[in-house]
Structures are given as C-alpha cells and as structure tokens.
N, C-alpha and C. Protein backbone atom coordinates (compact mmCIF):
# COMPACT_ATOMS: atom_id res chain seq x y z
N UNK A 1 169.23 -26.99 12.18
CA UNK A 1 167.94 -27.46 11.74
C UNK A 1 166.94 -26.29 11.72
N UNK A 2 166.16 -26.21 10.68
CA UNK A 2 165.16 -25.15 10.57
C UNK A 2 163.93 -25.52 11.40
N UNK A 3 163.36 -24.53 12.06
CA UNK A 3 162.16 -24.70 12.86
C UNK A 3 160.96 -24.26 12.03
N UNK A 4 160.14 -25.24 11.65
CA UNK A 4 158.94 -24.95 10.86
C UNK A 4 157.68 -25.31 11.64
N UNK A 5 157.73 -25.11 12.94
CA UNK A 5 156.64 -25.55 13.82
C UNK A 5 155.43 -24.62 13.81
N UNK A 6 155.56 -23.42 13.28
CA UNK A 6 154.43 -22.49 13.25
C UNK A 6 153.30 -23.08 12.41
N UNK A 7 152.11 -23.28 12.99
CA UNK A 7 150.99 -23.87 12.24
C UNK A 7 150.55 -23.04 11.04
N UNK A 8 150.89 -21.75 11.03
CA UNK A 8 150.52 -20.89 9.89
C UNK A 8 151.25 -21.31 8.62
N UNK A 9 152.41 -21.96 8.76
CA UNK A 9 153.15 -22.43 7.59
C UNK A 9 152.35 -23.50 6.87
N UNK A 10 151.86 -24.48 7.61
CA UNK A 10 151.07 -25.56 7.00
C UNK A 10 149.75 -25.01 6.43
N UNK A 11 149.13 -24.08 7.13
CA UNK A 11 147.88 -23.47 6.64
C UNK A 11 148.12 -22.77 5.30
N UNK A 12 149.21 -22.00 5.21
CA UNK A 12 149.51 -21.27 3.98
C UNK A 12 149.85 -22.24 2.84
N UNK A 13 150.59 -23.30 3.16
CA UNK A 13 150.93 -24.34 2.17
C UNK A 13 149.65 -24.95 1.60
N UNK A 14 148.72 -25.32 2.47
CA UNK A 14 147.46 -25.93 2.01
C UNK A 14 146.62 -24.92 1.24
N UNK A 15 146.70 -23.65 1.60
CA UNK A 15 145.96 -22.61 0.89
C UNK A 15 146.46 -22.49 -0.56
N UNK A 16 147.78 -22.51 -0.74
CA UNK A 16 148.35 -22.44 -2.10
C UNK A 16 147.92 -23.66 -2.91
N UNK A 17 147.85 -24.82 -2.28
CA UNK A 17 147.48 -26.06 -2.97
C UNK A 17 145.99 -26.17 -3.27
N UNK A 18 145.16 -25.40 -2.58
CA UNK A 18 143.71 -25.51 -2.71
C UNK A 18 143.20 -24.94 -4.03
N UNK A 19 142.35 -25.71 -4.70
CA UNK A 19 141.71 -25.24 -5.93
C UNK A 19 140.70 -24.13 -5.64
N UNK A 20 140.27 -24.03 -4.40
CA UNK A 20 139.25 -23.04 -4.03
C UNK A 20 139.85 -21.69 -3.65
N UNK A 21 141.16 -21.63 -3.57
CA UNK A 21 141.82 -20.40 -3.14
C UNK A 21 142.51 -19.70 -4.31
N UNK A 22 142.50 -18.38 -4.26
CA UNK A 22 143.22 -17.60 -5.27
C UNK A 22 144.69 -17.43 -4.92
N UNK A 23 145.06 -17.74 -3.67
CA UNK A 23 146.44 -17.61 -3.23
C UNK A 23 147.30 -18.56 -4.04
N UNK A 24 148.36 -18.02 -4.68
CA UNK A 24 149.19 -18.91 -5.49
C UNK A 24 150.67 -18.89 -5.10
N UNK A 25 150.99 -18.23 -3.99
CA UNK A 25 152.34 -18.35 -3.46
C UNK A 25 152.38 -17.98 -1.99
N UNK A 26 153.37 -18.54 -1.31
CA UNK A 26 153.65 -18.21 0.08
C UNK A 26 155.16 -18.03 0.21
N UNK A 27 155.56 -17.06 1.00
CA UNK A 27 156.97 -16.78 1.24
C UNK A 27 157.27 -17.02 2.72
N UNK A 28 158.30 -17.82 2.98
CA UNK A 28 158.75 -18.08 4.34
C UNK A 28 160.09 -17.38 4.56
N UNK A 29 160.17 -16.65 5.65
CA UNK A 29 161.40 -15.97 6.03
C UNK A 29 161.78 -16.36 7.44
N UNK A 30 163.05 -16.20 7.76
CA UNK A 30 163.52 -16.43 9.11
C UNK A 30 163.06 -15.27 10.00
N UNK A 31 162.72 -15.59 11.26
CA UNK A 31 162.26 -14.56 12.21
C UNK A 31 163.28 -13.44 12.36
N UNK A 32 164.55 -13.80 12.39
CA UNK A 32 165.62 -12.80 12.51
C UNK A 32 166.91 -13.40 11.94
N UNK A 33 167.94 -12.58 11.87
CA UNK A 33 169.23 -13.05 11.36
C UNK A 33 169.82 -14.17 12.20
N UNK A 34 169.52 -14.17 13.48
CA UNK A 34 170.10 -15.15 14.40
C UNK A 34 169.20 -16.37 14.64
N UNK A 35 168.01 -16.33 14.11
CA UNK A 35 167.04 -17.39 14.37
C UNK A 35 166.98 -18.38 13.21
N UNK A 36 166.70 -19.64 13.53
CA UNK A 36 166.45 -20.66 12.51
C UNK A 36 164.96 -20.97 12.41
N UNK A 37 164.14 -20.17 13.06
CA UNK A 37 162.69 -20.36 13.02
C UNK A 37 162.12 -19.63 11.81
N UNK A 38 161.37 -20.38 11.00
CA UNK A 38 160.75 -19.81 9.81
C UNK A 38 159.31 -19.41 10.11
N UNK A 39 158.86 -18.38 9.41
CA UNK A 39 157.49 -17.92 9.56
C UNK A 39 156.96 -17.48 8.19
N UNK A 40 155.65 -17.46 8.08
CA UNK A 40 155.02 -16.95 6.86
C UNK A 40 155.18 -15.43 6.89
N UNK A 41 155.88 -14.89 5.89
CA UNK A 41 156.04 -13.44 5.86
C UNK A 41 155.04 -12.79 4.90
N UNK A 42 154.68 -13.51 3.83
CA UNK A 42 153.71 -12.97 2.87
C UNK A 42 153.08 -14.10 2.08
N UNK A 43 151.89 -13.82 1.57
CA UNK A 43 151.25 -14.68 0.58
C UNK A 43 150.72 -13.76 -0.51
N UNK A 44 150.40 -14.34 -1.65
CA UNK A 44 149.90 -13.49 -2.72
C UNK A 44 149.12 -14.24 -3.77
N UNK A 45 148.51 -13.47 -4.66
CA UNK A 45 147.70 -14.02 -5.74
C UNK A 45 148.23 -13.61 -7.11
N UNK A 46 149.36 -12.91 -7.14
CA UNK A 46 149.88 -12.36 -8.40
C UNK A 46 150.94 -13.17 -9.08
N UNK A 47 151.09 -14.44 -8.71
CA UNK A 47 152.02 -15.32 -9.40
C UNK A 47 153.49 -14.98 -9.18
N UNK A 48 154.32 -15.53 -10.05
CA UNK A 48 155.76 -15.37 -9.91
C UNK A 48 156.21 -13.91 -10.04
N UNK A 49 155.52 -13.13 -10.85
CA UNK A 49 155.89 -11.72 -11.01
C UNK A 49 155.76 -10.99 -9.68
N UNK A 50 154.69 -11.24 -8.97
CA UNK A 50 154.48 -10.61 -7.67
C UNK A 50 155.47 -11.14 -6.64
N UNK A 51 155.69 -12.44 -6.64
CA UNK A 51 156.64 -13.05 -5.71
C UNK A 51 158.03 -12.45 -5.90
N UNK A 52 158.44 -12.32 -7.14
CA UNK A 52 159.76 -11.76 -7.46
C UNK A 52 159.94 -10.38 -6.81
N UNK A 53 158.88 -9.58 -6.82
CA UNK A 53 158.96 -8.21 -6.30
C UNK A 53 159.15 -8.15 -4.78
N UNK A 54 158.71 -9.16 -4.05
CA UNK A 54 158.78 -9.10 -2.59
C UNK A 54 160.04 -9.76 -2.02
N UNK A 55 160.84 -10.39 -2.87
CA UNK A 55 162.07 -11.02 -2.38
C UNK A 55 163.07 -9.95 -1.95
N UNK A 56 163.72 -10.21 -0.84
CA UNK A 56 164.68 -9.26 -0.26
C UNK A 56 166.10 -9.72 -0.59
N UNK A 57 166.88 -8.85 -1.22
CA UNK A 57 168.24 -9.19 -1.63
C UNK A 57 169.16 -9.53 -0.45
N UNK A 58 168.79 -9.13 0.76
CA UNK A 58 169.65 -9.39 1.92
C UNK A 58 169.25 -10.65 2.68
N UNK A 59 168.25 -11.38 2.19
CA UNK A 59 167.73 -12.54 2.93
C UNK A 59 167.87 -13.84 2.16
N UNK A 60 167.75 -14.90 2.94
CA UNK A 60 167.52 -16.23 2.38
C UNK A 60 166.07 -16.56 2.74
N UNK A 61 165.31 -17.03 1.78
CA UNK A 61 163.89 -17.30 1.98
C UNK A 61 163.51 -18.55 1.21
N UNK A 62 162.32 -19.04 1.50
CA UNK A 62 161.76 -20.17 0.77
C UNK A 62 160.37 -19.76 0.30
N UNK A 63 160.04 -20.15 -0.91
CA UNK A 63 158.71 -19.85 -1.43
C UNK A 63 158.12 -21.12 -2.03
N UNK A 64 156.81 -21.21 -1.94
CA UNK A 64 156.07 -22.31 -2.54
C UNK A 64 155.04 -21.66 -3.44
N UNK A 65 155.02 -22.05 -4.70
CA UNK A 65 154.14 -21.36 -5.65
C UNK A 65 153.44 -22.32 -6.59
N UNK A 66 152.22 -21.93 -6.96
CA UNK A 66 151.45 -22.64 -7.97
C UNK A 66 151.66 -21.91 -9.30
N UNK A 67 152.04 -22.66 -10.33
CA UNK A 67 152.27 -22.08 -11.64
C UNK A 67 151.25 -22.70 -12.60
N UNK A 68 150.48 -21.85 -13.26
CA UNK A 68 149.47 -22.31 -14.22
C UNK A 68 149.94 -21.95 -15.62
N UNK A 69 149.88 -22.94 -16.52
CA UNK A 69 150.29 -22.67 -17.89
C UNK A 69 149.47 -23.52 -18.84
N UNK A 70 149.48 -23.13 -20.12
CA UNK A 70 148.72 -23.83 -21.15
C UNK A 70 149.64 -24.66 -22.01
N UNK A 71 149.16 -25.84 -22.36
CA UNK A 71 149.87 -26.66 -23.34
C UNK A 71 149.33 -26.39 -24.74
N UNK A 72 148.06 -26.08 -24.81
CA UNK A 72 147.41 -25.76 -26.08
C UNK A 72 146.14 -24.99 -25.75
N UNK A 73 145.31 -24.72 -26.75
CA UNK A 73 144.09 -23.95 -26.53
C UNK A 73 143.10 -24.67 -25.63
N UNK A 74 143.21 -25.98 -25.57
CA UNK A 74 142.22 -26.79 -24.88
C UNK A 74 142.55 -27.09 -23.42
N UNK A 75 143.80 -26.97 -23.02
CA UNK A 75 144.14 -27.44 -21.68
C UNK A 75 145.09 -26.51 -20.93
N UNK A 76 144.91 -26.49 -19.65
CA UNK A 76 145.84 -25.79 -18.77
C UNK A 76 146.31 -26.78 -17.72
N UNK A 77 147.49 -26.53 -17.20
CA UNK A 77 148.05 -27.37 -16.15
C UNK A 77 148.44 -26.49 -14.98
N UNK A 78 148.39 -27.08 -13.81
CA UNK A 78 148.87 -26.41 -12.61
C UNK A 78 149.94 -27.29 -11.99
N UNK A 79 151.07 -26.70 -11.73
CA UNK A 79 152.18 -27.41 -11.08
C UNK A 79 152.69 -26.53 -9.94
N UNK A 80 153.37 -27.16 -9.02
CA UNK A 80 153.89 -26.45 -7.86
C UNK A 80 155.41 -26.47 -7.88
N UNK A 81 155.98 -25.35 -7.44
CA UNK A 81 157.44 -25.25 -7.39
C UNK A 81 157.88 -24.83 -5.99
N UNK A 82 159.05 -25.25 -5.62
CA UNK A 82 159.69 -24.80 -4.39
C UNK A 82 160.85 -23.90 -4.79
N UNK A 83 160.88 -22.71 -4.23
CA UNK A 83 161.94 -21.76 -4.53
C UNK A 83 162.83 -21.62 -3.30
N UNK A 84 164.11 -21.82 -3.50
CA UNK A 84 165.10 -21.56 -2.46
C UNK A 84 165.82 -20.28 -2.88
N UNK A 85 165.50 -19.20 -2.19
CA UNK A 85 166.04 -17.88 -2.53
C UNK A 85 167.22 -17.56 -1.63
N UNK A 86 168.34 -17.23 -2.24
CA UNK A 86 169.48 -16.70 -1.52
C UNK A 86 169.84 -15.39 -2.20
N UNK A 87 169.44 -14.31 -1.57
CA UNK A 87 169.67 -12.98 -2.14
C UNK A 87 171.15 -12.67 -2.28
N UNK A 88 171.51 -11.83 -3.25
CA UNK A 88 172.92 -11.52 -3.51
C UNK A 88 173.64 -10.88 -2.33
N UNK A 89 172.88 -10.29 -1.38
CA UNK A 89 173.50 -9.65 -0.21
C UNK A 89 173.23 -10.42 1.08
N UNK A 90 172.88 -11.69 0.95
CA UNK A 90 172.60 -12.54 2.11
C UNK A 90 173.90 -12.78 2.90
N UNK A 91 173.79 -12.80 4.22
CA UNK A 91 174.96 -13.01 5.07
C UNK A 91 175.54 -14.41 4.89
N UNK A 92 176.84 -14.51 5.01
CA UNK A 92 177.57 -15.76 4.76
C UNK A 92 177.09 -16.90 5.66
N UNK A 93 176.87 -16.64 6.92
CA UNK A 93 176.45 -17.71 7.84
C UNK A 93 175.08 -18.27 7.46
N UNK A 94 174.19 -17.38 7.01
CA UNK A 94 172.87 -17.85 6.59
C UNK A 94 172.99 -18.72 5.34
N UNK A 95 173.81 -18.28 4.38
CA UNK A 95 174.04 -19.06 3.16
C UNK A 95 174.56 -20.45 3.51
N UNK A 96 175.45 -20.52 4.47
CA UNK A 96 176.07 -21.79 4.85
C UNK A 96 175.04 -22.78 5.40
N UNK A 97 174.01 -22.29 6.03
CA UNK A 97 173.00 -23.16 6.65
C UNK A 97 171.94 -23.64 5.66
N UNK A 98 171.82 -22.97 4.54
CA UNK A 98 170.72 -23.24 3.61
C UNK A 98 170.70 -24.68 3.10
N UNK A 99 171.84 -25.24 2.76
CA UNK A 99 171.83 -26.59 2.17
C UNK A 99 171.22 -27.61 3.12
N UNK A 100 171.47 -27.47 4.42
CA UNK A 100 170.88 -28.39 5.40
C UNK A 100 169.42 -28.03 5.66
N UNK A 101 169.15 -26.74 5.86
CA UNK A 101 167.81 -26.33 6.23
C UNK A 101 166.81 -26.46 5.09
N UNK A 102 167.27 -26.44 3.85
CA UNK A 102 166.36 -26.65 2.71
C UNK A 102 165.73 -28.03 2.79
N UNK A 103 166.47 -29.01 3.29
CA UNK A 103 165.93 -30.36 3.46
C UNK A 103 164.78 -30.37 4.47
N UNK A 104 164.91 -29.60 5.54
CA UNK A 104 163.83 -29.49 6.53
C UNK A 104 162.59 -28.87 5.89
N UNK A 105 162.80 -27.85 5.07
CA UNK A 105 161.68 -27.18 4.40
C UNK A 105 160.98 -28.15 3.45
N UNK A 106 161.75 -28.96 2.74
CA UNK A 106 161.17 -29.91 1.78
C UNK A 106 160.31 -30.97 2.46
N UNK A 107 160.56 -31.23 3.71
CA UNK A 107 159.72 -32.20 4.43
C UNK A 107 158.36 -31.60 4.78
N UNK A 108 158.26 -30.28 4.80
CA UNK A 108 157.00 -29.62 5.13
C UNK A 108 156.27 -29.16 3.86
N UNK A 109 156.99 -28.54 2.94
CA UNK A 109 156.42 -28.13 1.64
C UNK A 109 156.76 -29.23 0.65
N UNK A 110 156.13 -30.37 0.82
CA UNK A 110 156.64 -31.62 0.25
C UNK A 110 156.21 -31.96 -1.17
N UNK A 111 155.15 -31.37 -1.68
CA UNK A 111 154.67 -31.77 -3.00
C UNK A 111 154.98 -30.65 -4.00
N UNK A 112 156.01 -30.90 -4.83
CA UNK A 112 156.36 -29.91 -5.85
C UNK A 112 157.00 -30.64 -7.03
N UNK A 113 156.87 -30.05 -8.20
CA UNK A 113 157.41 -30.66 -9.42
C UNK A 113 158.88 -30.36 -9.62
N UNK A 114 159.27 -29.12 -9.35
CA UNK A 114 160.68 -28.75 -9.49
C UNK A 114 161.09 -27.83 -8.35
N UNK A 115 162.38 -27.83 -8.10
CA UNK A 115 162.96 -26.89 -7.16
C UNK A 115 163.72 -25.84 -7.97
N UNK A 116 163.53 -24.59 -7.61
CA UNK A 116 164.20 -23.49 -8.30
C UNK A 116 165.17 -22.84 -7.32
N UNK A 117 166.45 -22.93 -7.62
CA UNK A 117 167.47 -22.24 -6.83
C UNK A 117 167.62 -20.85 -7.41
N UNK A 118 167.18 -19.85 -6.67
CA UNK A 118 167.17 -18.48 -7.18
C UNK A 118 168.18 -17.63 -6.44
N UNK A 119 169.06 -17.00 -7.20
CA UNK A 119 170.07 -16.10 -6.64
C UNK A 119 169.84 -14.66 -7.10
N UNK A 120 169.09 -14.54 -8.19
CA UNK A 120 168.71 -13.23 -8.72
C UNK A 120 167.22 -13.29 -9.03
N UNK A 121 166.57 -12.16 -9.01
CA UNK A 121 165.13 -12.15 -9.25
C UNK A 121 164.78 -12.68 -10.64
N UNK A 122 165.68 -12.50 -11.60
CA UNK A 122 165.44 -13.01 -12.96
C UNK A 122 165.40 -14.55 -13.01
N UNK A 123 165.90 -15.21 -11.97
CA UNK A 123 165.80 -16.67 -11.91
C UNK A 123 164.36 -17.12 -11.75
N UNK A 124 163.46 -16.20 -11.44
CA UNK A 124 162.05 -16.52 -11.27
C UNK A 124 161.19 -15.98 -12.41
N UNK A 125 161.78 -15.87 -13.58
CA UNK A 125 161.02 -15.50 -14.76
C UNK A 125 160.17 -16.69 -15.18
N UNK A 126 158.92 -16.44 -15.49
CA UNK A 126 157.96 -17.53 -15.69
C UNK A 126 158.28 -18.44 -16.87
N UNK A 127 158.65 -17.90 -18.03
CA UNK A 127 158.84 -18.73 -19.22
C UNK A 127 159.85 -19.86 -19.03
N UNK A 128 161.06 -19.60 -18.53
CA UNK A 128 162.00 -20.71 -18.33
C UNK A 128 161.52 -21.74 -17.30
N UNK A 129 160.77 -21.26 -16.31
CA UNK A 129 160.24 -22.20 -15.31
C UNK A 129 159.18 -23.09 -15.94
N UNK A 130 158.33 -22.53 -16.79
CA UNK A 130 157.31 -23.34 -17.48
C UNK A 130 157.99 -24.38 -18.38
N UNK A 131 159.07 -24.01 -19.06
CA UNK A 131 159.81 -24.97 -19.88
C UNK A 131 160.29 -26.13 -19.00
N UNK A 132 160.84 -25.82 -17.84
CA UNK A 132 161.31 -26.86 -16.92
C UNK A 132 160.15 -27.72 -16.43
N UNK A 133 159.01 -27.11 -16.15
CA UNK A 133 157.84 -27.87 -15.69
C UNK A 133 157.33 -28.81 -16.78
N UNK A 134 157.32 -28.33 -18.02
CA UNK A 134 156.89 -29.21 -19.12
C UNK A 134 157.82 -30.41 -19.25
N UNK A 135 159.11 -30.17 -19.15
CA UNK A 135 160.08 -31.28 -19.25
C UNK A 135 159.90 -32.24 -18.08
N UNK A 136 159.71 -31.70 -16.89
CA UNK A 136 159.53 -32.55 -15.70
C UNK A 136 158.25 -33.35 -15.78
N UNK A 137 157.20 -32.76 -16.42
CA UNK A 137 155.92 -33.43 -16.53
C UNK A 137 155.83 -34.41 -17.67
N UNK A 138 156.82 -34.40 -18.53
CA UNK A 138 156.83 -35.33 -19.65
C UNK A 138 155.91 -34.94 -20.78
N UNK A 139 155.30 -33.74 -20.70
CA UNK A 139 154.39 -33.31 -21.76
C UNK A 139 154.92 -32.01 -22.33
N UNK A 140 155.63 -32.11 -23.41
CA UNK A 140 156.14 -30.91 -24.04
C UNK A 140 155.54 -30.83 -25.44
N UNK A 141 154.69 -29.84 -25.64
CA UNK A 141 154.00 -29.70 -26.92
C UNK A 141 154.70 -28.71 -27.83
N UNK A 142 155.80 -28.17 -27.35
CA UNK A 142 156.52 -27.16 -28.12
C UNK A 142 157.71 -27.73 -28.84
N UNK A 143 158.00 -28.98 -28.67
CA UNK A 143 159.20 -29.57 -29.23
C UNK A 143 160.43 -29.14 -28.45
N UNK A 144 160.21 -28.64 -27.22
CA UNK A 144 161.32 -28.17 -26.38
C UNK A 144 161.94 -29.34 -25.65
C-alpha cells in the first residue's frame, strides 16, 4: 500500500486545481527505492512539456496536471489528468507494486478526466492527450 499521508501532497493537489494558482502540475515520487511513502518532489507552471523534462527514467512516479486547450476561437477548457509514470529503467520490484499502489494514489488525486500510462516521455506529448480529453469530454470540434 502506498503511503500518501504527507499533507504537502493534498496541498499541492489543491494548488494545481485552483483557478488562482499558476501551478499546473505536481510530481509525486517515492522517498527511496525501499519506501512506499510518496512525497511531492516538484511542482511547476510549464505544463506537460516541463513535466516531461523532470521525469526520471529510473523511477516510477505519479503526476497530476491541468491541461488547457481550445475548442475554437471563443472557448478554452481545462481538464485534469493523472499520469502513472514507469520509467524504462525502473526496478522490477517497483514496477510490480505500481498496479496496486496506483489505486491508492487515485483515492487522493481523485478528480481527473483521463489516466495516462506513460512509459516514455513521448507518451506525454500534449496533442494526443488533448485528443483523448476531447473524446472523454464528449466535445470534439475537430471531427476526431
């Protein structure tokens, strides 16, 4: 079971959700290779491009991000995504625990439109994620 008891996790989650904050992502990492305790390792304002740059290929991490996109000239939408990152060089035992511990994370980072399982940094390219968000939201103005 993942330990998400650190109050900074909930604070960072609420910060990403806040309309008054510029923070649009939070990254949670395990304290150590042997620990199941998660902590806020970073937050940022640079969207998915910035988040992609801070992911560590040797780790399993969770990210919560706000994605803003336009449907047309008149409107923008904001949706939230949960990212389950398993880096290509992540240790086998950590990978094995992710399927169970992701459920614990979803109980804390609970409001999101889609979950993105990311194994490579290119899995967090914005355009395909926006396509998925439009489909999930039922509003696709592109005929996609």
